[in-house]
């Protein structure tokens, strides 16, 4: 996924989805991730309402992008 043509990190998307799960509010989740409300709604539609990244914290054992 991109933000203004720039790829968005998994960590940023994880913040969005974790906040969305806890608050249930797309606007609050978007603000927590530092993206526009429109971007958050777009991410949710693109993913079909289900997180498209793992919500578990990375273990640090493997390299990740």
Foldseek 3Di string as FASTA:
>chain_A
DAAVNHDDDPVLLLQLVVVCVVPVDLCVSCVSSVHHSVVSVVCCVVVVNDRPHDNDDDPPPDDDD
